[in-house]
N, C-alpha and C. Protein backbone atom coordinates (compact mmCIF):
# COMPACT_ATOMS: atom_id res chain seq x y z
N MET A 1 40.14 -35.67 0.24
CA MET A 1 40.90 -34.47 0.01
C MET A 1 40.86 -33.45 1.28
N LEU A 2 41.89 -33.06 1.88
CA LEU A 2 41.73 -32.14 2.73
C LEU A 2 41.89 -30.62 2.48
N PHE A 3 42.77 -30.51 1.35
CA PHE A 3 42.93 -29.15 1.10
C PHE A 3 43.04 -29.08 -0.48
N SER A 4 42.29 -28.27 -1.22
CA SER A 4 42.09 -28.00 -2.54
C SER A 4 42.85 -26.65 -3.05
N GLY A 5 43.32 -25.90 -2.06
CA GLY A 5 43.85 -24.83 -2.63
C GLY A 5 43.19 -23.61 -2.01
N TRP A 6 43.93 -22.63 -2.02
CA TRP A 6 43.60 -21.26 -1.46
C TRP A 6 42.48 -20.60 -2.12
N ASP A 7 42.41 -20.83 -3.53
CA ASP A 7 41.48 -20.21 -4.43
C ASP A 7 39.88 -20.58 -3.94
N SER A 8 39.80 -21.93 -3.70
CA SER A 8 38.49 -22.49 -3.19
C SER A 8 38.17 -21.80 -1.84
N LEU A 9 39.14 -21.82 -1.16
CA LEU A 9 38.82 -21.29 0.36
C LEU A 9 38.40 -19.73 0.38
N PHE A 10 39.13 -19.16 -0.47
CA PHE A 10 38.80 -17.58 -0.66
C PHE A 10 37.46 -17.44 -1.41
N ARG A 11 37.17 -18.21 -2.49
CA ARG A 11 35.72 -18.19 -3.01
C ARG A 11 34.79 -18.47 -2.10
N THR A 12 34.92 -19.51 -1.14
CA THR A 12 33.86 -19.72 -0.12
C THR A 12 33.91 -18.70 0.79
N LEU A 13 34.96 -18.02 1.23
CA LEU A 13 34.84 -16.79 2.36
C LEU A 13 33.98 -15.82 1.67
N VAL A 14 34.33 -15.26 0.33
CA VAL A 14 33.74 -14.10 -0.35
C VAL A 14 32.35 -14.45 -0.36
N VAL A 15 31.99 -15.63 -1.23
CA VAL A 15 30.62 -15.84 -1.51
C VAL A 15 29.78 -16.02 -0.26
N GLY A 16 30.13 -16.72 0.69
CA GLY A 16 29.54 -16.91 2.00
C GLY A 16 29.17 -15.61 2.42
N VAL A 17 30.17 -14.67 2.75
CA VAL A 17 29.65 -13.47 3.41
C VAL A 17 28.74 -12.70 2.36
N LEU A 18 28.94 -12.57 1.23
CA LEU A 18 28.01 -11.85 0.25
C LEU A 18 26.67 -12.52 0.33
N ALA A 19 26.63 -13.88 0.12
CA ALA A 19 25.26 -14.61 0.27
C ALA A 19 24.59 -14.57 1.48
N TYR A 20 25.27 -14.64 2.79
CA TYR A 20 24.71 -14.23 3.88
C TYR A 20 24.18 -13.01 4.15
N VAL A 21 25.02 -11.84 3.74
CA VAL A 21 24.56 -10.45 3.78
C VAL A 21 23.31 -10.21 2.97
N ALA A 22 23.11 -10.69 1.86
CA ALA A 22 22.13 -10.67 0.86
C ALA A 22 20.85 -11.31 1.30
N LEU A 23 21.12 -12.60 1.97
CA LEU A 23 19.91 -13.29 2.56
C LEU A 23 19.25 -12.50 3.63
N ILE A 24 20.10 -12.01 4.70
CA ILE A 24 19.49 -10.93 5.65
C ILE A 24 18.72 -9.89 5.10
N ILE A 25 19.40 -9.16 4.14
CA ILE A 25 18.77 -8.21 3.52
C ILE A 25 17.33 -8.51 3.00
N PHE A 26 17.36 -9.54 2.15
CA PHE A 26 16.00 -10.26 1.61
C PHE A 26 15.19 -10.42 2.58
N LEU A 27 15.67 -11.08 3.70
CA LEU A 27 14.59 -11.33 4.85
C LEU A 27 14.09 -10.18 5.42
N ARG A 28 14.79 -9.29 5.69
CA ARG A 28 14.46 -7.95 6.31
C ARG A 28 13.26 -7.19 5.29
N ILE A 29 13.59 -7.22 4.19
CA ILE A 29 12.79 -6.48 3.18
C ILE A 29 11.40 -7.28 3.12
N SER A 30 11.42 -8.61 3.13
CA SER A 30 10.28 -9.38 3.03
C SER A 30 9.29 -9.15 4.21
N GLY A 31 9.76 -8.66 5.40
CA GLY A 31 8.91 -8.52 6.37
C GLY A 31 8.94 -9.53 7.55
N LYS A 32 8.41 -9.38 8.60
CA LYS A 32 8.42 -10.26 9.76
C LYS A 32 7.77 -11.47 9.60
N ARG A 33 6.80 -11.65 8.64
CA ARG A 33 5.98 -12.85 8.46
C ARG A 33 6.97 -14.01 7.85
N THR A 34 8.06 -13.66 7.15
CA THR A 34 8.95 -14.62 6.77
C THR A 34 9.61 -15.16 8.02
N LEU A 35 9.98 -14.61 9.06
CA LEU A 35 10.50 -15.02 9.92
C LEU A 35 9.79 -15.43 11.25
N SER A 36 8.36 -15.74 11.02
CA SER A 36 7.50 -16.04 12.17
C SER A 36 7.56 -17.40 12.52
N LYS A 37 6.92 -17.57 13.53
CA LYS A 37 6.76 -19.07 14.10
C LYS A 37 6.49 -20.02 12.80
N MET A 38 7.14 -20.90 12.64
CA MET A 38 6.84 -21.81 11.38
C MET A 38 5.77 -22.88 11.43
N ASN A 39 5.03 -22.86 10.37
CA ASN A 39 4.03 -23.91 10.08
C ASN A 39 4.63 -24.66 9.06
N ALA A 40 4.21 -25.90 8.48
CA ALA A 40 4.65 -26.66 7.39
C ALA A 40 5.17 -25.71 6.20
N PHE A 41 4.54 -24.84 5.75
CA PHE A 41 4.79 -24.05 4.49
C PHE A 41 5.96 -23.30 4.81
N ASP A 42 5.98 -22.61 6.10
CA ASP A 42 7.22 -21.70 6.47
C ASP A 42 8.46 -22.65 6.59
N LEU A 43 8.38 -23.93 7.11
CA LEU A 43 9.56 -24.82 7.18
C LEU A 43 10.10 -25.27 5.80
N ILE A 44 9.14 -25.45 4.84
CA ILE A 44 9.77 -25.76 3.54
C ILE A 44 10.50 -24.61 2.86
N VAL A 45 9.99 -23.31 3.16
CA VAL A 45 10.71 -22.09 2.63
C VAL A 45 12.04 -21.97 3.54
N THR A 46 12.21 -22.37 4.66
CA THR A 46 13.38 -22.12 5.46
C THR A 46 14.15 -23.13 4.83
N VAL A 47 13.78 -24.33 4.78
CA VAL A 47 14.77 -25.42 4.34
C VAL A 47 15.25 -25.14 3.08
N ALA A 48 14.55 -24.83 2.04
CA ALA A 48 14.76 -24.45 0.74
C ALA A 48 15.95 -23.12 0.74
N LEU A 49 15.71 -22.32 1.64
CA LEU A 49 16.76 -21.19 1.75
C LEU A 49 18.22 -21.69 2.17
N GLY A 50 17.91 -22.57 3.22
CA GLY A 50 19.06 -23.26 3.75
C GLY A 50 19.88 -24.00 2.68
N SER A 51 19.18 -24.76 1.92
CA SER A 51 19.80 -25.50 0.99
C SER A 51 20.40 -24.71 -0.11
N THR A 52 19.61 -23.60 -0.44
CA THR A 52 20.30 -22.66 -1.54
C THR A 52 21.49 -22.10 -1.05
N LEU A 53 21.42 -21.56 0.10
CA LEU A 53 22.72 -21.02 0.69
C LEU A 53 23.89 -22.05 0.65
N ALA A 54 23.53 -23.04 1.06
CA ALA A 54 24.69 -24.23 1.18
C ALA A 54 25.22 -24.51 -0.22
N THR A 55 24.48 -24.61 -1.30
CA THR A 55 24.83 -24.91 -2.65
C THR A 55 25.49 -23.85 -3.19
N VAL A 56 25.25 -22.51 -2.83
CA VAL A 56 25.87 -21.32 -3.28
C VAL A 56 27.31 -21.20 -2.63
N LEU A 57 27.33 -21.70 -1.42
CA LEU A 57 28.73 -21.59 -0.83
C LEU A 57 29.62 -22.58 -1.17
N LEU A 58 29.14 -23.90 -1.52
CA LEU A 58 30.07 -24.96 -1.70
C LEU A 58 30.04 -25.52 -3.22
N SER A 59 29.41 -24.98 -4.12
CA SER A 59 29.33 -25.55 -5.42
C SER A 59 29.98 -24.49 -6.34
N LYS A 60 30.96 -24.69 -6.85
CA LYS A 60 31.66 -23.75 -7.76
C LYS A 60 30.75 -23.50 -9.05
N ASP A 61 29.76 -24.52 -9.56
CA ASP A 61 29.14 -24.42 -10.68
C ASP A 61 27.99 -23.46 -10.41
N VAL A 62 27.67 -22.97 -9.33
CA VAL A 62 26.79 -22.06 -8.96
C VAL A 62 27.07 -20.49 -8.60
N ALA A 63 26.85 -19.70 -9.62
CA ALA A 63 27.31 -18.37 -9.45
C ALA A 63 26.57 -17.75 -8.33
N LEU A 64 27.31 -16.58 -7.82
CA LEU A 64 26.59 -15.92 -6.60
C LEU A 64 25.33 -15.15 -7.24
N ALA A 65 25.28 -14.75 -8.39
CA ALA A 65 24.13 -14.03 -8.87
C ALA A 65 22.85 -15.11 -9.05
N GLU A 66 23.23 -16.28 -9.46
CA GLU A 66 22.19 -17.39 -9.55
C GLU A 66 21.73 -17.61 -8.11
N GLY A 67 22.46 -17.70 -7.04
CA GLY A 67 22.06 -17.95 -5.75
C GLY A 67 21.12 -16.92 -5.31
N LEU A 68 21.53 -15.51 -5.52
CA LEU A 68 20.82 -14.41 -4.98
C LEU A 68 19.43 -14.47 -5.89
N LEU A 69 19.51 -14.73 -6.97
CA LEU A 69 18.23 -14.92 -7.66
C LEU A 69 17.34 -16.05 -7.10
N ALA A 70 17.81 -17.03 -6.68
CA ALA A 70 17.30 -18.13 -5.95
C ALA A 70 16.67 -17.74 -4.77
N PHE A 71 17.41 -16.92 -3.90
CA PHE A 71 16.89 -16.54 -2.49
C PHE A 71 15.62 -15.49 -2.88
N ALA A 72 15.89 -14.50 -3.92
CA ALA A 72 14.80 -13.70 -4.09
C ALA A 72 13.54 -14.44 -4.52
N LEU A 73 13.61 -15.22 -5.36
CA LEU A 73 12.49 -16.17 -5.98
C LEU A 73 11.74 -16.77 -4.80
N LEU A 74 12.67 -17.55 -3.90
CA LEU A 74 11.89 -18.35 -2.68
C LEU A 74 11.32 -17.21 -1.80
N ILE A 75 11.84 -16.11 -1.48
CA ILE A 75 11.25 -14.98 -0.65
C ILE A 75 10.04 -14.60 -1.36
N ALA A 76 10.20 -14.17 -2.56
CA ALA A 76 8.99 -13.70 -3.40
C ALA A 76 7.86 -14.64 -3.38
N LEU A 77 8.06 -16.00 -3.55
CA LEU A 77 7.01 -16.88 -3.50
C LEU A 77 6.28 -16.99 -2.39
N GLN A 78 7.11 -16.95 -1.21
CA GLN A 78 6.57 -17.13 0.17
C GLN A 78 5.67 -15.80 0.59
N PHE A 79 6.32 -14.65 -0.10
CA PHE A 79 5.50 -13.46 0.20
C PHE A 79 4.13 -13.61 -0.47
N ALA A 80 4.23 -13.78 -1.77
CA ALA A 80 3.01 -14.10 -2.68
C ALA A 80 1.70 -15.15 -1.92
N VAL A 81 2.48 -16.16 -1.45
CA VAL A 81 1.41 -17.06 -0.67
C VAL A 81 0.96 -16.49 0.49
N THR A 82 1.77 -15.91 1.41
CA THR A 82 1.12 -15.29 2.78
C THR A 82 0.50 -14.21 2.38
N TRP A 83 0.57 -13.43 1.45
CA TRP A 83 -0.19 -12.14 1.00
C TRP A 83 -1.57 -12.71 0.49
N SER A 84 -1.45 -13.65 -0.50
CA SER A 84 -2.78 -14.44 -0.69
C SER A 84 -3.52 -14.87 0.37
N SER A 85 -2.79 -15.54 1.14
CA SER A 85 -3.59 -16.17 2.37
C SER A 85 -4.30 -15.45 3.23
N VAL A 86 -3.94 -14.13 3.50
CA VAL A 86 -4.49 -12.93 4.19
C VAL A 86 -5.82 -12.64 3.45
N ARG A 87 -5.78 -12.73 2.11
CA ARG A 87 -6.94 -12.35 1.36
C ARG A 87 -7.89 -13.52 0.84
N ALA A 88 -7.29 -14.65 0.94
CA ALA A 88 -8.34 -15.81 0.30
C ALA A 88 -8.21 -17.14 1.28
N LEU A 89 -9.40 -17.59 1.75
CA LEU A 89 -9.60 -18.57 2.81
C LEU A 89 -8.89 -19.83 2.22
N TRP A 90 -9.34 -20.13 0.95
CA TRP A 90 -8.65 -21.49 0.26
C TRP A 90 -7.10 -21.40 0.22
N VAL A 91 -6.57 -20.23 -0.07
CA VAL A 91 -5.11 -20.20 -0.19
C VAL A 91 -4.49 -20.60 1.46
N ARG A 92 -5.11 -19.96 2.38
CA ARG A 92 -4.69 -20.01 3.79
C ARG A 92 -4.86 -21.66 4.17
N GLN A 93 -6.01 -22.20 3.78
CA GLN A 93 -6.00 -23.47 4.30
C GLN A 93 -5.20 -24.49 3.52
N LEU A 94 -4.77 -24.22 2.28
CA LEU A 94 -3.86 -24.90 1.55
C LEU A 94 -2.41 -24.81 2.09
N ALA A 95 -2.06 -23.59 2.33
CA ALA A 95 -0.66 -23.18 2.88
C ALA A 95 -0.60 -23.62 4.30
N THR A 96 -1.50 -23.46 5.05
CA THR A 96 -1.22 -23.53 6.61
C THR A 96 -2.12 -24.78 7.17
N GLY A 97 -3.09 -25.02 6.58
CA GLY A 97 -4.11 -26.00 7.25
C GLY A 97 -4.83 -25.10 8.13
N GLU A 98 -5.51 -25.89 9.14
CA GLU A 98 -6.33 -25.33 10.06
C GLU A 98 -6.06 -25.80 11.50
N PRO A 99 -6.42 -24.91 12.52
CA PRO A 99 -6.05 -25.50 13.99
C PRO A 99 -7.11 -26.64 14.08
N GLN A 100 -7.07 -27.67 14.81
CA GLN A 100 -7.67 -28.70 15.36
C GLN A 100 -8.02 -28.68 16.77
N MET A 101 -9.25 -28.83 17.23
CA MET A 101 -9.77 -28.89 18.40
C MET A 101 -9.41 -30.30 18.97
N LEU A 102 -8.69 -30.70 20.13
CA LEU A 102 -8.40 -31.91 20.54
C LEU A 102 -9.16 -32.26 21.86
N VAL A 103 -9.50 -31.14 22.69
CA VAL A 103 -10.27 -31.34 24.04
C VAL A 103 -11.14 -30.41 23.90
N TYR A 104 -12.50 -30.69 24.43
CA TYR A 104 -13.55 -29.71 24.57
C TYR A 104 -14.20 -30.00 25.69
N CYS A 105 -14.51 -28.96 26.65
CA CYS A 105 -15.05 -29.09 27.85
C CYS A 105 -14.54 -30.29 28.69
N GLY A 106 -13.29 -30.45 28.80
CA GLY A 106 -12.62 -31.76 29.57
C GLY A 106 -12.45 -32.82 29.06
N ALA A 107 -13.19 -33.01 27.80
CA ALA A 107 -13.09 -34.47 27.33
C ALA A 107 -12.47 -34.34 26.00
N PHE A 108 -11.44 -35.55 25.93
CA PHE A 108 -10.73 -35.54 24.75
C PHE A 108 -11.68 -35.93 23.50
N LEU A 109 -11.26 -35.54 22.26
CA LEU A 109 -11.90 -35.85 21.08
C LEU A 109 -11.24 -36.77 20.26
N SER A 110 -11.59 -38.04 20.56
CA SER A 110 -10.66 -39.12 20.10
C SER A 110 -10.33 -39.16 18.65
N ALA A 111 -11.44 -39.12 17.80
CA ALA A 111 -11.36 -38.96 16.47
C ALA A 111 -10.47 -37.95 15.95
N ALA A 112 -10.43 -36.78 16.54
CA ALA A 112 -9.53 -35.52 16.17
C ALA A 112 -8.21 -35.85 16.56
N MET A 113 -8.02 -36.52 17.66
CA MET A 113 -6.45 -36.98 18.18
C MET A 113 -5.98 -38.00 17.14
N VAL A 114 -6.70 -38.88 16.62
CA VAL A 114 -6.22 -39.81 15.78
C VAL A 114 -5.96 -39.35 14.37
N ARG A 115 -6.81 -38.21 13.93
CA ARG A 115 -6.57 -37.52 12.73
C ARG A 115 -5.22 -36.75 12.75
N SER A 116 -5.07 -36.38 14.04
CA SER A 116 -3.83 -35.25 14.07
C SER A 116 -2.83 -35.91 14.54
N ARG A 117 -2.68 -37.24 15.04
CA ARG A 117 -1.64 -38.17 15.46
C ARG A 117 -1.04 -37.55 16.76
N VAL A 118 -2.09 -37.30 17.76
CA VAL A 118 -1.70 -36.82 18.96
C VAL A 118 -2.17 -37.66 20.12
N THR A 119 -1.27 -37.95 21.12
CA THR A 119 -1.59 -38.81 22.23
C THR A 119 -2.27 -38.18 23.32
N GLU A 120 -2.92 -38.83 24.24
CA GLU A 120 -3.47 -38.17 25.39
C GLU A 120 -2.36 -37.53 26.28
N ASP A 121 -1.21 -38.43 26.33
CA ASP A 121 -0.10 -37.85 27.20
C ASP A 121 0.41 -36.46 26.64
N GLU A 122 0.52 -36.30 25.26
CA GLU A 122 0.97 -35.04 24.89
C GLU A 122 0.01 -33.85 25.20
N ILE A 123 -1.19 -34.23 25.24
CA ILE A 123 -2.19 -33.10 25.45
C ILE A 123 -2.29 -32.84 26.98
N ARG A 124 -2.01 -34.07 27.87
CA ARG A 124 -1.70 -33.82 29.35
C ARG A 124 -0.70 -32.74 29.66
N ALA A 125 0.44 -33.09 28.92
CA ALA A 125 1.74 -32.27 28.94
C ALA A 125 1.35 -30.85 28.67
N ALA A 126 0.58 -30.57 27.66
CA ALA A 126 0.46 -29.13 27.29
C ALA A 126 -0.35 -28.52 28.39
N VAL A 127 -1.34 -29.43 28.87
CA VAL A 127 -2.27 -28.73 29.97
C VAL A 127 -1.50 -28.38 31.13
N ARG A 128 -0.51 -29.42 31.53
CA ARG A 128 0.48 -29.16 32.81
C ARG A 128 1.37 -27.92 32.40
N SER A 129 1.68 -27.65 31.29
CA SER A 129 2.68 -26.53 30.94
C SER A 129 2.08 -25.28 31.19
N VAL A 130 0.77 -25.09 31.17
CA VAL A 130 -0.09 -23.78 31.45
C VAL A 130 -0.49 -23.81 32.95
N GLY A 131 -0.03 -24.76 33.75
CA GLY A 131 -0.42 -24.69 35.16
C GLY A 131 -1.78 -25.20 35.52
N VAL A 132 -2.36 -26.05 34.70
CA VAL A 132 -3.53 -26.54 35.18
C VAL A 132 -3.46 -28.01 35.40
N ASN A 133 -4.00 -28.54 36.57
CA ASN A 133 -3.77 -29.83 37.15
C ASN A 133 -4.95 -30.74 36.69
N SER A 134 -6.04 -30.36 36.13
CA SER A 134 -7.17 -31.17 35.76
C SER A 134 -7.82 -30.85 34.59
N LEU A 135 -8.06 -31.86 33.62
CA LEU A 135 -8.68 -31.60 32.43
C LEU A 135 -10.21 -30.88 32.65
N ASP A 136 -10.84 -31.22 33.78
CA ASP A 136 -12.03 -30.60 33.96
C ASP A 136 -12.05 -28.91 34.05
N LYS A 137 -10.78 -28.53 34.18
CA LYS A 137 -10.57 -27.21 34.23
C LYS A 137 -10.26 -26.64 32.80
N VAL A 138 -10.32 -27.52 31.77
CA VAL A 138 -9.98 -27.05 30.43
C VAL A 138 -11.15 -26.96 29.65
N HIS A 139 -11.34 -25.75 29.05
CA HIS A 139 -12.44 -25.66 28.03
C HIS A 139 -11.95 -26.14 26.75
N ALA A 140 -10.90 -25.99 26.12
CA ALA A 140 -10.56 -26.51 24.98
C ALA A 140 -8.86 -26.62 25.03
N VAL A 141 -8.38 -27.63 24.10
CA VAL A 141 -7.09 -27.66 23.65
C VAL A 141 -7.13 -27.73 22.37
N VAL A 142 -6.16 -26.96 21.58
CA VAL A 142 -6.25 -26.76 20.29
C VAL A 142 -4.94 -26.98 19.72
N LEU A 143 -4.78 -27.95 18.67
CA LEU A 143 -3.46 -28.12 17.92
C LEU A 143 -3.38 -27.01 16.78
N GLU A 144 -2.43 -26.16 16.96
CA GLU A 144 -2.30 -24.82 16.09
C GLU A 144 -1.67 -25.53 15.00
N THR A 145 -1.58 -24.64 13.78
CA THR A 145 -1.12 -24.78 12.62
C THR A 145 0.37 -25.08 12.50
N ASP A 146 1.24 -24.50 13.63
CA ASP A 146 2.52 -24.60 13.69
C ASP A 146 2.90 -25.78 14.50
N GLY A 147 1.95 -26.50 14.85
CA GLY A 147 2.24 -27.82 15.72
C GLY A 147 2.27 -27.56 17.20
N SER A 148 2.03 -26.29 17.70
CA SER A 148 1.95 -26.00 19.15
C SER A 148 0.61 -26.25 19.74
N PHE A 149 0.38 -26.27 20.95
CA PHE A 149 -0.99 -26.49 21.66
C PHE A 149 -1.34 -25.16 22.20
N SER A 150 -2.60 -25.00 22.10
CA SER A 150 -3.11 -23.60 22.94
C SER A 150 -4.21 -24.38 23.88
N VAL A 151 -4.09 -23.87 25.26
CA VAL A 151 -4.97 -24.45 26.14
C VAL A 151 -5.96 -23.34 26.61
N VAL A 152 -7.20 -23.40 26.49
CA VAL A 152 -8.18 -22.37 26.96
C VAL A 152 -8.94 -22.86 28.19
N LYS A 153 -8.39 -22.09 29.28
CA LYS A 153 -8.93 -22.61 30.60
C LYS A 153 -10.53 -22.36 30.74
N MET A 154 -11.26 -23.16 31.49
CA MET A 154 -12.66 -22.98 31.74
C MET A 154 -12.82 -21.62 32.47
N GLY A 155 -13.77 -20.87 32.05
CA GLY A 155 -14.14 -19.43 32.41
C GLY A 155 -13.29 -18.44 31.65
N GLU A 156 -12.26 -18.90 30.93
CA GLU A 156 -11.49 -17.68 30.04
C GLU A 156 -11.77 -17.97 28.55
N GLU A 157 -12.87 -18.85 28.28
CA GLU A 157 -13.03 -18.81 26.89
C GLU A 157 -13.78 -17.84 26.08
N GLY A 158 -14.15 -16.52 26.89
CA GLY A 158 -14.67 -15.43 26.23
C GLY A 158 -16.02 -15.66 25.79
N GLU A 159 -16.55 -14.51 25.26
CA GLU A 159 -18.03 -14.60 24.78
C GLU A 159 -18.24 -15.46 23.53
N ASN A 160 -18.99 -16.36 23.68
CA ASN A 160 -19.21 -17.37 22.52
C ASN A 160 -18.03 -18.28 21.93
N GLY A 161 -17.00 -18.41 22.92
CA GLY A 161 -15.82 -19.02 22.37
C GLY A 161 -14.96 -18.27 21.19
N SER A 162 -15.03 -16.92 21.32
CA SER A 162 -14.62 -16.19 20.25
C SER A 162 -13.14 -16.65 19.69
N SER A 163 -12.19 -16.96 20.66
CA SER A 163 -10.97 -17.28 20.44
C SER A 163 -10.82 -18.66 19.52
N LEU A 164 -11.95 -19.19 19.75
CA LEU A 164 -12.02 -20.65 19.03
C LEU A 164 -12.73 -20.55 17.65
N ALA A 165 -13.04 -19.40 17.12
CA ALA A 165 -13.53 -19.21 15.90
C ALA A 165 -12.52 -19.71 14.80
N GLY A 166 -13.09 -20.67 13.87
CA GLY A 166 -12.30 -21.04 12.70
C GLY A 166 -11.48 -22.33 13.20
N VAL A 167 -11.54 -22.76 14.30
CA VAL A 167 -10.92 -24.24 14.83
C VAL A 167 -12.05 -25.26 14.39
N VAL A 168 -11.39 -26.19 13.85
CA VAL A 168 -12.16 -27.44 13.47
C VAL A 168 -12.33 -28.26 14.75
N GLY A 169 -13.81 -28.43 15.05
CA GLY A 169 -13.88 -29.16 16.38
C GLY A 169 -15.52 -29.08 16.43
N PRO A 170 -15.94 -29.27 17.66
CA PRO A 170 -17.40 -29.31 18.13
C PRO A 170 -18.01 -28.13 17.40
N GLY A 171 -19.32 -28.38 17.20
CA GLY A 171 -20.06 -27.25 16.48
C GLY A 171 -19.76 -27.02 15.09
N ASP A 172 -18.77 -27.47 14.64
CA ASP A 172 -18.18 -27.17 13.23
C ASP A 172 -18.71 -28.39 12.50
N VAL A 173 -19.31 -28.24 11.41
CA VAL A 173 -19.89 -29.36 10.50
C VAL A 173 -18.66 -30.01 9.94
N ARG A 174 -17.65 -29.87 9.93
CA ARG A 174 -16.44 -30.67 9.68
C ARG A 174 -15.97 -31.66 10.81
N SER A 175 -16.54 -31.47 12.00
CA SER A 175 -15.97 -32.33 13.13
C SER A 175 -16.84 -33.59 12.90
N SER A 176 -16.25 -34.62 13.60
CA SER A 176 -16.94 -36.08 13.25
C SER A 176 -18.12 -36.36 14.41
N THR A 177 -18.85 -37.24 14.02
CA THR A 177 -20.13 -37.60 14.92
C THR A 177 -19.64 -38.20 16.19
N SER A 178 -18.59 -38.99 16.10
CA SER A 178 -18.15 -39.54 17.37
C SER A 178 -17.72 -38.56 18.43
N ASP A 179 -17.01 -37.48 17.79
CA ASP A 179 -16.29 -36.35 18.77
C ASP A 179 -17.61 -35.72 19.18
N ALA A 180 -18.72 -35.41 18.58
CA ALA A 180 -19.98 -34.90 19.05
C ALA A 180 -20.57 -35.63 20.02
N SER A 181 -20.71 -36.94 19.82
CA SER A 181 -21.11 -37.76 21.06
C SER A 181 -20.32 -37.74 22.41
N ASP A 182 -19.12 -37.54 22.30
CA ASP A 182 -18.22 -37.23 23.44
C ASP A 182 -18.60 -36.09 24.17
N LEU A 183 -19.38 -34.98 23.57
CA LEU A 183 -19.38 -33.93 24.26
C LEU A 183 -21.02 -33.58 24.74
N ALA A 184 -21.67 -34.74 24.75
CA ALA A 184 -23.04 -34.62 25.21
C ALA A 184 -23.32 -33.79 26.69
N ARG A 185 -22.25 -33.93 27.50
CA ARG A 185 -22.46 -33.30 28.81
C ARG A 185 -21.94 -31.69 28.86
N CYS A 186 -21.49 -31.24 27.70
CA CYS A 186 -20.96 -29.88 27.69
C CYS A 186 -22.13 -28.88 27.25
């Protein structure tokens, strides 16, 4: 069917504009964290919001008020989880996971790479992207909770590796013994 009538087109136009405006207002009210760089939890909320918008736009069985309530509910849940994650470590770990160290003192942490499903080529690309031409010049490479790589160059690690606090890796009781043996020289 190519055309079902002007009424359905008019409904889609009106509901689409109203739902879009409401979604923007809700997102602005909820704060910058809702629109931040995405980790797995944020991706789920974003996909759910998009799915809800599509359903409100295209389904005559879903009233605009129901769609707006669904938007508000998803954003409120996202706000509650992010608010809680700032205040409780277990909520943060559940919602976003933990950053994982993949290279330490120029050495690949093979067990961490396997757990994170990351290849040496991907790490080398991340190192090259920050203008470093040798792993010997890298203090650490961290897989962040949003899937991006952070590269800390040798000599830039700061006092006691302060930027690496909270990262799962060497010196952390959660790191594997095979990773620890890779680091004997550091």
